[in-house]
Amino acid sequence: MKPEPRSRPGQPWALRGPARAAAAAGVAALALLAATAGAQEADTPERTAASRAPATLSGTLAKVRASGSIALGYRQASVPFSYLNARNEPIGYSIELCKALVTSIEDAVNRSLAIRWVPVTADNRVDAVASGQVDLECGSTTSNLERQKRVAFSPIMFVAGTKVMVRQDTQIRSLRDLASKKVAVTAGTTNEKAMRDLDRKFHLGMQLQVVPDHSQGFAQVAGGQSDAFATDDVLLYGLIAENAGKADGNGGTGASPGARFQVVGDYLSYDPYAIMFRKDDPQLAQVVKTSFQALAEDGEIERQYRRWFLRRLPSGTSLDLPMSAQLQTLIETLAAQPR
């Protein structure tokens, strides 16, 4: 996917007025250093863009200033966080928050940045960030202690948990009902680990079927190859909503596949989502933290939530999923933190 040129004035994801000023203040020292370095080198036009990168910037900030671009990792079927629209463009809640972070990074390095979109999967996303293939991972990734050993995370932007999706004509209603059943899980997810742990703990004898992405997990249940698909509840609701208006494709009945599925049972895990970036990069970490605080204070996180979880998606369907009290509290606490 080609880099996306950015015209900074009037960007729909840019912070508004006071909040943008607050975010800029949080990284003012970095921006000032970048501007000072640029002024000092104004008399040497023969220097390359890489050589003009301020020596005081480090890590990702130095990298993107030198290159003039930033790599954003996206998912293809994590509705409504990160997925492709009809024009094969990345869209979603996480995508918009990442675009807001890019605006703050541009302020910090005193340079406009082209976005280079890089597809990632649940299985390779952590490696993609740790290796430098992507600078920000904009998906539906759980921030947990195991992953924090390799990568860093933004403040929490959503709270989900593992549940299972089944066909409405099945008798499966709880974890115990999954005994000896075929259960699809997405490779590299916390859901896969949770289901394996629960299977061992309760001796259920589940037949876990590892699939490459969420859309394949949905297809497994739709086609009868799996009895259930286990992933985060919000992703299941998103998949059902996205498929609600599509033709059945099974026997030509014309039935809506979205109407044939339901999410059942108790939560089987706790999964707080966040934007992922490289570990041991204090300058980028400061930009991300300050930007999220400004987004929370400005109300932009809640506006994006309403856009992607309460209003109609580009497909014409809606998840109609109100913000949980837990997420509301997290956002309010983030907004109240001093910068």
C-alpha atoms as a PDB file:
ATOM      1  CA  MET A   1       0.000   0.000   0.000  1.00  0.00           C
ATOM      2  CA  LYS A   2       1.433   3.360  -1.080  1.00  0.00           C
ATOM      3  CA  PRO A   3       2.246   6.061   1.503  1.00  0.00           C
ATOM      4  CA  GLU A   4      -0.687   8.323   2.226  1.00  0.00           C
ATOM      5  CA  PRO A   5       0.221  12.005   1.784  1.00  0.00           C
ATOM      6  CA  ARG A   6      -1.008  14.193   4.594  1.00  0.00           C
ATOM      7  CA  SER A   7      -2.215  17.759   4.367  1.00  0.00           C
ATOM      8  CA  ARG A   8      -2.109  18.787   7.970  1.00  0.00           C
ATOM      9  CA  PRO A   9      -4.531  21.740   8.201  1.00  0.00           C
ATOM     10  CA  GLY A  10      -8.108  20.620   8.748  1.00  0.00           C
ATOM     11  CA  GLN A  11      -7.392  16.938   9.267  1.00  0.00           C
ATOM     12  CA  PRO A  12     -10.549  15.320  10.744  1.00  0.00           C
ATOM     13  CA  TRP A  13      -8.457  13.459  13.317  1.00  0.00           C
ATOM     14  CA  ALA A  14      -6.482  16.492  14.498  1.00  0.00           C
ATOM     15  CA  LEU A  15      -6.898  17.632  18.071  1.00  0.00           C
ATOM     16  CA  ARG A  16      -9.098  20.661  18.553  1.00  0.00           C
ATOM     17  CA  GLY A  17      -7.997  24.037  19.867  1.00  0.00           C
ATOM     18  CA  PRO A  18      -6.966  23.855  23.550  1.00  0.00           C
ATOM     19  CA  ALA A  19      -6.410  20.109  23.480  1.00  0.00           C
ATOM     20  CA  ARG A  20      -4.032  20.322  20.548  1.00  0.00           C
ATOM     21  CA  ALA A  21      -2.194  23.106  22.352  1.00  0.00           C
ATOM     22  CA  ALA A  22      -1.958  20.933  25.459  1.00  0.00           C
ATOM     23  CA  ALA A  23      -0.578  18.024  23.475  1.00  0.00           C
ATOM     24  CA  ALA A  24       1.890  20.282  21.752  1.00  0.00           C
ATOM     25  CA  ALA A  25       2.998  21.685  25.107  1.00  0.00           C
ATOM     26  CA  GLY A  26       3.702  18.168  26.309  1.00  0.00           C
ATOM     27  CA  VAL A  27       6.239  17.684  23.543  1.00  0.00           C
ATOM     28  CA  ALA A  28       7.275  21.334  23.223  1.00  0.00           C
ATOM     29  CA  ALA A  29      10.858  20.614  24.162  1.00  0.00           C
ATOM     30  CA  LEU A  30      11.183  18.066  21.373  1.00  0.00           C
ATOM     31  CA  ALA A  31       9.568  20.343  18.822  1.00  0.00           C
ATOM     32  CA  LEU A  32      11.742  23.260  19.909  1.00  0.00           C
ATOM     33  CA  LEU A  33      14.877  21.193  19.564  1.00  0.00           C
ATOM     34  CA  ALA A  34      13.805  20.073  16.119  1.00  0.00           C
ATOM     35  CA  ALA A  35      13.063  23.620  15.012  1.00  0.00           C
ATOM     36  CA  THR A  36      16.341  24.903  16.453  1.00  0.00           C
ATOM     37  CA  ALA A  37      18.303  22.227  14.662  1.00  0.00           C
ATOM     38  CA  GLY A  38      16.557  23.046  11.405  1.00  0.00           C
ATOM     39  CA  ALA A  39      17.395  26.756  11.833  1.00  0.00           C
ATOM     40  CA  GLN A  40      21.022  26.030  12.610  1.00  0.00           C
ATOM     41  CA  GLU A  41      21.363  23.997   9.427  1.00  0.00           C
ATOM     42  CA  ALA A  42      19.560  26.428   7.148  1.00  0.00           C
ATOM     43  CA  ASP A  43      22.882  27.577   5.693  1.00  0.00           C
ATOM     44  CA  THR A  44      23.820  24.083   4.510  1.00  0.00           C
ATOM     45  CA  PRO A  45      21.174  23.133   1.890  1.00  0.00           C
ATOM     46  CA  GLU A  46      23.360  20.404   0.472  1.00  0.00           C
ATOM     47  CA  ARG A  47      22.756  18.235   3.530  1.00  0.00           C
ATOM     48  CA  THR A  48      20.357  15.367   3.065  1.00  0.00           C
ATOM     49  CA  ALA A  49      17.072  14.969   4.956  1.00  0.00           C
ATOM     50  CA  ALA A  50      18.693  12.296   7.073  1.00  0.00           C
ATOM     51  CA  SER A  51      21.581  14.521   8.085  1.00  0.00           C
ATOM     52  CA  ARG A  52      19.201  17.329   9.021  1.00  0.00           C
ATOM     53  CA  ALA A  53      17.465  15.167  11.648  1.00  0.00           C
ATOM     54  CA  PRO A  54      18.147  16.805  15.035  1.00  0.00           C
ATOM     55  CA  ALA A  55      20.760  14.946  17.021  1.00  0.00           C
ATOM     56  CA  THR A  56      18.618  15.483  20.114  1.00  0.00           C
ATOM     57  CA  LEU A  57      15.850  13.260  18.724  1.00  0.00           C
ATOM     58  CA  SER A  58      16.237   9.530  19.158  1.00  0.00           C
ATOM     59  CA  GLY A  59      14.507   6.275  18.381  1.00  0.00           C
ATOM     60  CA  THR A  60      11.329   6.420  16.328  1.00  0.00           C
ATOM     61  CA  LEU A  61      11.154  10.222  16.307  1.00  0.00           C
ATOM     62  CA  ALA A  62      14.605  10.500  14.748  1.00  0.00           C
ATOM     63  CA  LYS A  63      13.751   7.754  12.280  1.00  0.00           C
ATOM     64  CA  VAL A  64      10.502   9.285  11.018  1.00  0.00           C
ATOM     65  CA  ARG A  65      11.944  12.806  10.825  1.00  0.00           C
ATOM     66  CA  ALA A  66      14.807  11.567   8.682  1.00  0.00           C
ATOM     67  CA  SER A  67      12.571   9.526   6.369  1.00  0.00           C
ATOM     68  CA  GLY A  68       9.543  11.814   6.223  1.00  0.00           C
ATOM     69  CA  SER A  69       7.207   8.851   6.667  1.00  0.00           C
ATOM     70  CA  ILE A  70       5.761   6.692   9.414  1.00  0.00           C
ATOM     71  CA  ALA A  71       4.666   3.045   9.167  1.00  0.00           C
ATOM     72  CA  LEU A  72       1.297   2.157  10.669  1.00  0.00           C
ATOM     73  CA  GLY A  73       0.326  -1.480  11.099  1.00  0.00           C
ATOM     74  CA  TYR A  74      -3.336  -2.300  10.449  1.00  0.00           C
ATOM     75  CA  ARG A  75      -5.576  -5.359  10.619  1.00  0.00           C
ATOM     76  CA  GLN A  76      -7.821  -6.484   7.783  1.00  0.00           C
ATOM     77  CA  ALA A  77     -10.829  -7.737   9.739  1.00  0.00           C
ATOM     78  CA  SER A  78     -10.833  -6.326  13.298  1.00  0.00           C
ATOM     79  CA  VAL A  79     -14.198  -4.578  13.020  1.00  0.00           C
ATOM     80  CA  PRO A  80     -14.683  -1.777  14.073  1.00  0.00           C
ATOM     81  CA  PHE A  81     -11.121  -1.124  15.273  1.00  0.00           C
ATOM     82  CA  SER A  82      -8.996  -1.733  12.209  1.00  0.00           C
ATOM     83  CA  TYR A  83     -10.245  -3.153   8.928  1.00  0.00           C
ATOM     84  CA  LEU A  84     -10.512  -2.481   5.210  1.00  0.00           C
ATOM     85  CA  ASN A  85     -13.409  -0.637   3.624  1.00  0.00           C
ATOM     86  CA  ALA A  86     -14.814  -1.280   0.149  1.00  0.00           C
ATOM     87  CA  ARG A  87     -11.891   0.681  -1.349  1.00  0.00           C
ATOM     88  CA  ASN A  88      -9.340  -1.429   0.561  1.00  0.00           C
ATOM     89  CA  GLU A  89      -8.436   1.511   2.817  1.00  0.00           C
ATOM     90  CA  PRO A  90      -7.737   0.983   6.539  1.00  0.00           C
ATOM     91  CA  ILE A  91     -10.527   2.448   8.675  1.00  0.00           C
ATOM     92  CA  GLY A  92     -11.777   2.132  12.248  1.00  0.00           C
ATOM     93  CA  TYR A  93     -11.593   3.361  15.827  1.00  0.00           C
ATOM     94  CA  SER A  94      -7.931   2.428  16.314  1.00  0.00           C
ATOM     95  CA  ILE A  95      -7.001   3.859  12.917  1.00  0.00           C
ATOM     96  CA  GLU A  96      -8.418   7.273  13.826  1.00  0.00           C
ATOM     97  CA  LEU A  97      -6.635   7.325  17.184  1.00  0.00           C
ATOM     98  CA  CYS A  98      -3.382   6.393  15.444  1.00  0.00           C
ATOM     99  CA  LYS A  99      -3.851   9.232  12.960  1.00  0.00           C
ATOM    100  CA  ALA A 100      -4.206  11.613  15.905  1.00  0.00           C
ATOM    101  CA  LEU A 101      -0.920  10.254  17.287  1.00  0.00           C
ATOM    102  CA  VAL A 102       0.749  10.874  13.935  1.00  0.00           C
ATOM    103  CA  THR A 103      -0.339  14.522  14.113  1.00  0.00           C
ATOM    104  CA  SER A 104       1.319  14.830  17.535  1.00  0.00           C
ATOM    105  CA  ILE A 105       4.460  13.105  16.258  1.00  0.00           C
ATOM    106  CA  GLU A 106       4.580  15.587  13.385  1.00  0.00           C
ATOM    107  CA  ASP A 107       4.483  18.409  15.931  1.00  0.00           C
ATOM    108  CA  ALA A 108       7.273  16.791  17.921  1.00  0.00           C
ATOM    109  CA  VAL A 109       9.616  16.364  14.955  1.00  0.00           C
ATOM    110  CA  ASN A 110       8.574  19.592  13.217  1.00  0.00           C
ATOM    111  CA  ARG A 111       7.843  17.832   9.939  1.00  0.00           C
ATOM    112  CA  SER A 112       4.866  16.503   7.985  1.00  0.00           C
ATOM    113  CA  LEU A 113       4.876  12.725   7.651  1.00  0.00           C
ATOM    114  CA  ALA A 114       3.458  10.460   4.968  1.00  0.00           C
ATOM    115  CA  ILE A 115       1.660   7.408   6.338  1.00  0.00           C
ATOM    116  CA  ARG A 116       2.830   4.046   5.013  1.00  0.00           C
ATOM    117  CA  TRP A 117       0.211   1.373   5.715  1.00  0.00           C
ATOM    118  CA  VAL A 118       1.517  -2.095   6.564  1.00  0.00           C
ATOM    119  CA  PRO A 119      -0.855  -5.086   7.005  1.00  0.00           C
ATOM    120  CA  VAL A 120      -0.218  -7.204  10.106  1.00  0.00           C
ATOM    121  CA  THR A 121      -1.872 -10.287  11.562  1.00  0.00           C
ATOM    122  CA  ALA A 122      -2.566 -11.361  15.110  1.00  0.00           C
ATOM    123  CA  ASP A 123       0.365 -13.742  14.827  1.00  0.00           C
ATOM    124  CA  ASN A 124       3.037 -11.348  13.493  1.00  0.00           C
ATOM    125  CA  ARG A 125       2.024  -7.937  14.904  1.00  0.00           C
ATOM    126  CA  VAL A 126       4.303  -8.004  17.975  1.00  0.00           C
ATOM    127  CA  ASP A 127       7.289  -9.028  15.853  1.00  0.00           C
ATOM    128  CA  ALA A 128       6.443  -6.297  13.328  1.00  0.00           C
ATOM    129  CA  VAL A 129       6.661  -3.634  16.041  1.00  0.00           C
ATOM    130  CA  ALA A 130       9.705  -5.070  17.817  1.00  0.00           C
ATOM    131  CA  SER A 131      11.661  -5.393  14.553  1.00  0.00           C
ATOM    132  CA  GLY A 132      10.839  -1.888  13.340  1.00  0.00           C
ATOM    133  CA  GLN A 133       8.682  -2.992  10.413  1.00  0.00           C
ATOM    134  CA  VAL A 134       5.889  -0.786  11.799  1.00  0.00           C
ATOM    135  CA  ASP A 135       6.154   2.230  14.104  1.00  0.00           C
ATOM    136  CA  LEU A 136       2.619   2.106  15.545  1.00  0.00           C
ATOM    137  CA  GLU A 137       0.306  -0.920  15.521  1.00  0.00           C
ATOM    138  CA  CYS A 138      -3.278   0.228  15.147  1.00  0.00           C
ATOM    139  CA  GLY A 139      -5.467  -2.794  15.746  1.00  0.00           C
ATOM    140  CA  SER A 140      -7.204  -4.664  18.546  1.00  0.00           C
ATOM    141  CA  THR A 141      -4.205  -5.687  20.620  1.00  0.00           C
ATOM    142  CA  THR A 142      -4.375  -6.587  24.292  1.00  0.00           C
ATOM    143  CA  SER A 143      -1.824  -4.923  26.565  1.00  0.00           C
ATOM    144  CA  ASN A 144      -0.580  -7.566  28.992  1.00  0.00           C
ATOM    145  CA  LEU A 145       2.553  -8.299  31.007  1.00  0.00           C
ATOM    146  CA  GLU A 146       3.853 -10.932  28.615  1.00  0.00           C
ATOM    147  CA  ARG A 147       3.750  -8.591  25.620  1.00  0.00           C
ATOM    148  CA  GLN A 148       5.105  -5.664  27.643  1.00  0.00           C
ATOM    149  CA  LYS A 149       8.368  -7.561  27.920  1.00  0.00           C
ATOM    150  CA  ARG A 150       8.880  -6.970  24.174  1.00  0.00           C
ATOM    151  CA  VAL A 151       6.873  -3.867  23.235  1.00  0.00           C
ATOM    152  CA  ALA A 152       5.288  -0.772  24.774  1.00  0.00           C
ATOM    153  CA  PHE A 153       1.638   0.290  24.855  1.00  0.00           C
ATOM    154  CA  SER A 154      -0.407   3.468  24.901  1.00  0.00           C
ATOM    155  CA  PRO A 155      -2.976   4.106  27.624  1.00  0.00           C
ATOM    156  CA  ILE A 156      -5.981   1.769  27.369  1.00  0.00           C
ATOM    157  CA  MET A 157      -8.464   2.673  24.628  1.00  0.00           C
ATOM    158  CA  PHE A 158     -10.969  -0.199  25.008  1.00  0.00           C
ATOM    159  CA  VAL A 159     -11.792  -3.051  27.370  1.00  0.00           C
ATOM    160  CA  ALA A 160     -12.939  -6.394  25.964  1.00  0.00           C
ATOM    161  CA  GLY A 161     -12.975 -10.058  26.960  1.00  0.00           C
ATOM    162  CA  THR A 162     -13.106 -13.502  25.388  1.00  0.00           C
ATOM    163  CA  LYS A 163     -16.515 -14.919  24.533  1.00  0.00           C
ATOM    164  CA  VAL A 164     -17.707 -17.434  21.958  1.00  0.00           C
ATOM    165  CA  MET A 165     -19.866 -17.067  18.881  1.00  0.00           C
ATOM    166  CA  VAL A 166     -22.080 -19.950  17.819  1.00  0.00           C
ATOM    167  CA  ARG A 167     -24.902 -20.594  15.373  1.00  0.00           C
ATOM    168  CA  GLN A 168     -28.339 -19.943  16.800  1.00  0.00           C
ATOM    169  CA  ASP A 169     -29.431 -23.497  16.134  1.00  0.00           C
ATOM    170  CA  THR A 170     -26.817 -24.961  18.496  1.00  0.00           C
ATOM    171  CA  GLN A 171     -27.244 -25.900  22.152  1.00  0.00           C
ATOM    172  CA  ILE A 172     -23.936 -24.319  23.191  1.00  0.00           C
ATOM    173  CA  ARG A 173     -24.516 -21.666  25.855  1.00  0.00           C
ATOM    174  CA  SER A 174     -21.520 -21.892  28.213  1.00  0.00           C
ATOM    175  CA  LEU A 175     -17.906 -22.990  28.520  1.00  0.00           C
ATOM    176  CA  ARG A 176     -18.932 -26.442  29.725  1.00  0.00           C
ATOM    177  CA  ASP A 177     -20.954 -26.948  26.543  1.00  0.00           C
ATOM    178  CA  LEU A 178     -17.734 -26.700  24.521  1.00  0.00           C
ATOM    179  CA  ALA A 179     -16.531 -30.093  25.771  1.00  0.00           C
ATOM    180  CA  SER A 180     -15.322 -32.163  22.793  1.00  0.00           C
ATOM    181  CA  LYS A 181     -16.410 -29.393  20.385  1.00  0.00           C
ATOM    182  CA  LYS A 182     -14.452 -27.838  17.528  1.00  0.00           C
ATOM    183  CA  VAL A 183     -13.539 -24.301  18.574  1.00  0.00           C
ATOM    184  CA  ALA A 184     -11.812 -21.854  16.210  1.00  0.00           C
ATOM    185  CA  VAL A 185      -9.279 -19.386  17.682  1.00  0.00           C
ATOM    186  CA  THR A 186      -7.121 -16.784  15.947  1.00  0.00           C
ATOM    187  CA  ALA A 187      -3.384 -17.492  15.952  1.00  0.00           C
ATOM    188  CA  GLY A 188      -1.264 -15.336  18.243  1.00  0.00           C
ATOM    189  CA  THR A 189      -4.148 -13.936  20.306  1.00  0.00           C
ATOM    190  CA  THR A 190      -4.714 -13.885  24.053  1.00  0.00           C
ATOM    191  CA  ASN A 191      -7.965 -15.689  23.250  1.00  0.00           C
ATOM    192  CA  GLU A 192      -6.043 -18.704  21.944  1.00  0.00           C
ATOM    193  CA  LYS A 193      -4.033 -18.853  25.158  1.00  0.00           C
ATOM    194  CA  ALA A 194      -7.142 -18.385  27.326  1.00  0.00           C
ATOM    195  CA  MET A 195      -8.979 -21.242  25.610  1.00  0.00           C
ATOM    196  CA  ARG A 196      -5.998 -23.589  25.870  1.00  0.00           C
ATOM    197  CA  ASP A 197      -5.636 -22.782  29.576  1.00  0.00           C
ATOM    198  CA  LEU A 198      -9.353 -23.315  30.230  1.00  0.00           C
ATOM    199  CA  ASP A 199      -9.350 -26.553  28.247  1.00  0.00           C
ATOM    200  CA  ARG A 200      -6.532 -27.925  30.410  1.00  0.00           C
ATOM    201  CA  LYS A 201      -8.006 -26.655  33.658  1.00  0.00           C
ATOM    202  CA  PHE A 202     -11.471 -28.126  33.148  1.00  0.00           C
ATOM    203  CA  HIS A 203     -10.455 -31.172  31.046  1.00  0.00           C
ATOM    204  CA  LEU A 204     -12.934 -30.265  28.306  1.00  0.00           C
ATOM    205  CA  GLY A 205     -11.237 -32.029  25.419  1.00  0.00           C
ATOM    206  CA  MET A 206     -11.924 -29.152  23.017  1.00  0.00           C
ATOM    207  CA  GLN A 207     -10.612 -29.476  19.472  1.00  0.00           C
ATOM    208  CA  LEU A 208      -8.977 -26.075  19.005  1.00  0.00           C
ATOM    209  CA  GLN A 209      -8.679 -25.004  15.376  1.00  0.00           C
ATOM    210  CA  VAL A 210      -6.139 -22.207  14.871  1.00  0.00           C
ATOM    211  CA  VAL A 211      -7.070 -19.807  12.042  1.00  0.00           C
ATOM    212  CA  PRO A 212      -5.008 -16.903  10.608  1.00  0.00           C
ATOM    213  CA  ASP A 213      -7.515 -14.095  11.235  1.00  0.00           C
ATOM    214  CA  HIS A 214     -10.927 -13.271  12.677  1.00  0.00           C
ATOM    215  CA  SER A 215     -12.747 -13.374   9.346  1.00  0.00           C
ATOM    216  CA  GLN A 216     -11.637 -16.986   8.900  1.00  0.00           C
ATOM    217  CA  GLY A 217     -12.905 -17.855  12.373  1.00  0.00           C
ATOM    218  CA  PHE A 218     -16.314 -16.473  11.447  1.00  0.00           C
ATOM    219  CA  ALA A 219     -16.246 -18.399   8.164  1.00  0.00           C
ATOM    220  CA  GLN A 220     -15.411 -21.629  10.010  1.00  0.00           C
ATOM    221  CA  VAL A 221     -18.607 -21.399  12.061  1.00  0.00           C
ATOM    222  CA  ALA A 222     -20.677 -20.184   9.111  1.00  0.00           C
ATOM    223  CA  GLY A 223     -19.527 -23.128   7.020  1.00  0.00           C
ATOM    224  CA  GLY A 224     -19.995 -25.703   9.759  1.00  0.00           C
ATOM    225  CA  GLN A 225     -16.291 -26.573  10.093  1.00  0.00           C
ATOM    226  CA  SER A 226     -16.280 -25.241  13.667  1.00  0.00           C
ATOM    227  CA  ASP A 227     -18.881 -25.387  16.410  1.00  0.00           C
ATOM    228  CA  ALA A 228     -17.781 -22.070  17.914  1.00  0.00           C
ATOM    229  CA  PHE A 229     -15.349 -19.186  17.414  1.00  0.00           C
ATOM    230  CA  ALA A 230     -13.648 -17.731  20.507  1.00  0.00           C
ATOM    231  CA  THR A 231     -12.330 -14.181  20.431  1.00  0.00           C
ATOM    232  CA  ASP A 232     -13.040 -10.809  22.062  1.00  0.00           C
ATOM    233  CA  ASP A 233     -16.740 -10.088  22.404  1.00  0.00           C
ATOM    234  CA  VAL A 234     -16.610  -6.751  20.592  1.00  0.00           C
ATOM    235  CA  LEU A 235     -14.897  -8.339  17.575  1.00  0.00           C
ATOM    236  CA  LEU A 236     -17.602 -10.997  17.444  1.00  0.00           C
ATOM    237  CA  TYR A 237     -20.329  -8.332  17.484  1.00  0.00           C
ATOM    238  CA  GLY A 238     -18.452  -6.493  14.741  1.00  0.00           C
ATOM    239  CA  LEU A 239     -18.199  -9.580  12.551  1.00  0.00           C
ATOM    240  CA  ILE A 240     -21.896 -10.355  12.999  1.00  0.00           C
ATOM    241  CA  ALA A 241     -22.833  -6.751  12.154  1.00  0.00           C
ATOM    242  CA  GLU A 242     -20.590  -6.641   9.088  1.00  0.00           C
ATOM    243  CA  ASN A 243     -22.076  -9.881   7.774  1.00  0.00           C
ATOM    244  CA  ALA A 244     -25.679  -9.041   8.620  1.00  0.00           C
ATOM    245  CA  GLY A 245     -26.516  -7.689   5.173  1.00  0.00           C
ATOM    246  CA  LYS A 246     -24.670 -10.226   3.054  1.00  0.00           C
ATOM    247  CA  ALA A 247     -26.242 -13.048   1.142  1.00  0.00           C
ATOM    248  CA  ASP A 248     -26.192 -16.425   2.807  1.00  0.00           C
ATOM    249  CA  GLY A 249     -24.376 -18.384   0.130  1.00  0.00           C
ATOM    250  CA  ASN A 250     -25.547 -21.687   1.640  1.00  0.00           C
ATOM    251  CA  GLY A 251     -28.137 -23.314  -0.578  1.00  0.00           C
ATOM    252  CA  GLY A 252     -29.399 -19.993  -1.925  1.00  0.00           C
ATOM    253  CA  THR A 253     -31.847 -19.469   0.922  1.00  0.00           C
ATOM    254  CA  GLY A 254     -31.104 -15.725   1.028  1.00  0.00           C
ATOM    255  CA  ALA A 255     -30.989 -15.815   4.819  1.00  0.00           C
ATOM    256  CA  SER A 256     -28.773 -13.211   6.480  1.00  0.00           C
ATOM    257  CA  PRO A 257     -25.704 -14.916   7.992  1.00  0.00           C
ATOM    258  CA  GLY A 258     -25.399 -12.235  10.668  1.00  0.00           C
ATOM    259  CA  ALA A 259     -28.864 -13.121  11.932  1.00  0.00           C
ATOM    260  CA  ARG A 260     -27.862 -16.782  12.344  1.00  0.00           C
ATOM    261  CA  PHE A 261     -25.230 -16.238  15.003  1.00  0.00           C
ATOM    262  CA  GLN A 262     -25.095 -15.212  18.627  1.00  0.00           C
ATOM    263  CA  VAL A 263     -22.471 -14.452  21.285  1.00  0.00           C
ATOM    264  CA  VAL A 264     -22.957 -16.601  24.377  1.00  0.00           C
ATOM    265  CA  GLY A 265     -21.537 -17.410  27.809  1.00  0.00           C
ATOM    266  CA  ASP A 266     -19.569 -15.550  30.441  1.00  0.00           C
ATOM    267  CA  TYR A 267     -16.366 -13.604  29.887  1.00  0.00           C
ATOM    268  CA  LEU A 268     -13.453 -16.028  29.723  1.00  0.00           C
ATOM    269  CA  SER A 269     -10.652 -13.422  29.888  1.00  0.00           C
ATOM    270  CA  TYR A 270      -9.936  -9.709  30.445  1.00  0.00           C
ATOM    271  CA  ASP A 271      -8.439  -7.879  27.471  1.00  0.00           C
ATOM    272  CA  PRO A 272      -7.564  -4.156  27.617  1.00  0.00           C
ATOM    273  CA  TYR A 273      -6.733  -2.815  24.142  1.00  0.00           C
ATOM    274  CA  ALA A 274      -4.003  -0.264  23.386  1.00  0.00           C
ATOM    275  CA  ILE A 275      -1.835   1.056  20.553  1.00  0.00           C
ATOM    276  CA  MET A 276       1.463  -0.810  20.373  1.00  0.00           C
ATOM    277  CA  PHE A 277       4.887   0.760  19.719  1.00  0.00           C
ATOM    278  CA  ARG A 278       8.542  -0.051  20.317  1.00  0.00           C
ATOM    279  CA  LYS A 279       9.870  -0.617  23.798  1.00  0.00           C
ATOM    280  CA  ASP A 280      12.670   1.502  25.329  1.00  0.00           C
ATOM    281  CA  ASP A 281      11.784   4.563  23.242  1.00  0.00           C
ATOM    282  CA  PRO A 282      11.178   7.255  25.897  1.00  0.00           C
ATOM    283  CA  GLN A 283      10.645  10.148  23.505  1.00  0.00           C
ATOM    284  CA  LEU A 284       7.918   8.359  21.566  1.00  0.00           C
ATOM    285  CA  ALA A 285       6.401   7.072  24.819  1.00  0.00           C
ATOM    286  CA  GLN A 286       6.106  10.648  26.084  1.00  0.00           C
ATOM    287  CA  VAL A 287       4.397  11.798  22.877  1.00  0.00           C
ATOM    288  CA  VAL A 288       1.945   8.893  22.994  1.00  0.00           C
ATOM    289  CA  LYS A 289       1.098   9.425  26.661  1.00  0.00           C
ATOM    290  CA  THR A 290       0.640  13.192  26.345  1.00  0.00           C
ATOM    291  CA  SER A 291      -1.414  12.828  23.171  1.00  0.00           C
ATOM    292  CA  PHE A 292      -3.779  10.296  24.725  1.00  0.00           C
ATOM    293  CA  GLN A 293      -4.265  12.540  27.729  1.00  0.00           C
ATOM    294  CA  ALA A 294      -5.147  15.415  25.422  1.00  0.00           C
ATOM    295  CA  LEU A 295      -7.501  13.222  23.382  1.00  0.00           C
ATOM    296  CA  ALA A 296      -9.260  12.169  26.579  1.00  0.00           C
ATOM    297  CA  GLU A 297      -9.485  15.725  27.933  1.00  0.00           C
ATOM    298  CA  ASP A 298     -10.744  17.087  24.603  1.00  0.00           C
ATOM    299  CA  GLY A 299     -13.416  14.379  24.336  1.00  0.00           C
ATOM    300  CA  GLU A 300     -12.021  13.040  21.054  1.00  0.00           C
ATOM    301  CA  ILE A 301     -11.808   9.453  22.334  1.00  0.00           C
ATOM    302  CA  GLU A 302     -15.504   9.536  23.214  1.00  0.00           C
ATOM    303  CA  ARG A 303     -16.381  11.125  19.854  1.00  0.00           C
ATOM    304  CA  GLN A 304     -14.544   8.377  18.009  1.00  0.00           C
ATOM    305  CA  TYR A 305     -16.221   5.783  20.206  1.00  0.00           C
ATOM    306  CA  ARG A 306     -19.670   7.096  19.272  1.00  0.00           C
ATOM    307  CA  ARG A 307     -18.681   7.135  15.606  1.00  0.00           C
ATOM    308  CA  TRP A 308     -17.544   3.511  15.502  1.00  0.00           C
ATOM    309  CA  PHE A 309     -19.647   1.755  18.140  1.00  0.00           C
ATOM    310  CA  LEU A 310     -22.974   3.610  18.196  1.00  0.00           C
ATOM    311  CA  ARG A 311     -23.467   5.025  14.702  1.00  0.00           C
ATOM    312  CA  ARG A 312     -23.775   3.209  11.409  1.00  0.00           C
ATOM    313  CA  LEU A 313     -20.567   1.786  10.015  1.00  0.00           C
ATOM    314  CA  PRO A 314     -19.708   2.355   6.337  1.00  0.00           C
ATOM    315  CA  SER A 315     -21.353  -1.009   5.634  1.00  0.00           C
ATOM    316  CA  GLY A 316     -24.676   0.426   6.866  1.00  0.00           C
ATOM    317  CA  THR A 317     -24.886  -1.652  10.042  1.00  0.00           C
ATOM    318  CA  SER A 318     -24.284  -0.612  13.648  1.00  0.00           C
ATOM    319  CA  LEU A 319     -22.864  -2.408  16.668  1.00  0.00           C
ATOM    320  CA  ASP A 320     -25.019  -0.266  18.977  1.00  0.00           C
ATOM    321  CA  LEU A 321     -22.575  -0.947  21.827  1.00  0.00           C
ATOM    322  CA  PRO A 322     -22.618   1.728  24.576  1.00  0.00           C
ATOM    323  CA  MET A 323     -19.348   2.544  26.315  1.00  0.00           C
ATOM    324  CA  SER A 324     -18.806   0.427  29.411  1.00  0.00           C
ATOM    325  CA  ALA A 325     -18.621   2.091  32.819  1.00  0.00           C
ATOM    326  CA  GLN A 326     -15.114   0.667  33.151  1.00  0.00           C
ATOM    327  CA  LEU A 327     -13.849   2.330  29.964  1.00  0.00           C
ATOM    328  CA  GLN A 328     -15.602   5.576  30.857  1.00  0.00           C
ATOM    329  CA  THR A 329     -13.773   5.635  34.190  1.00  0.00           C
ATOM    330  CA  LEU A 330     -10.429   4.913  32.521  1.00  0.00           C
ATOM    331  CA  ILE A 331     -10.910   7.800  30.085  1.00  0.00           C
ATOM    332  CA  GLU A 332     -11.986  10.212  32.834  1.00  0.00           C
ATOM    333  CA  THR A 333      -8.966   9.241  34.937  1.00  0.00           C
ATOM    334  CA  LEU A 334      -6.659   9.706  31.949  1.00  0.00           C
ATOM    335  CA  ALA A 335      -8.094  13.170  31.259  1.00  0.00           C
ATOM    336  CA  ALA A 336      -7.572  14.215  34.876  1.00  0.00           C
ATOM    337  CA  GLN A 337      -3.902  13.235  35.018  1.00  0.00           C
ATOM    338  CA  PRO A 338      -1.431  16.147  35.094  1.00  0.00           C
ATOM    339  CA  ARG A 339       0.835  16.533  32.069  1.00  0.00           C
END
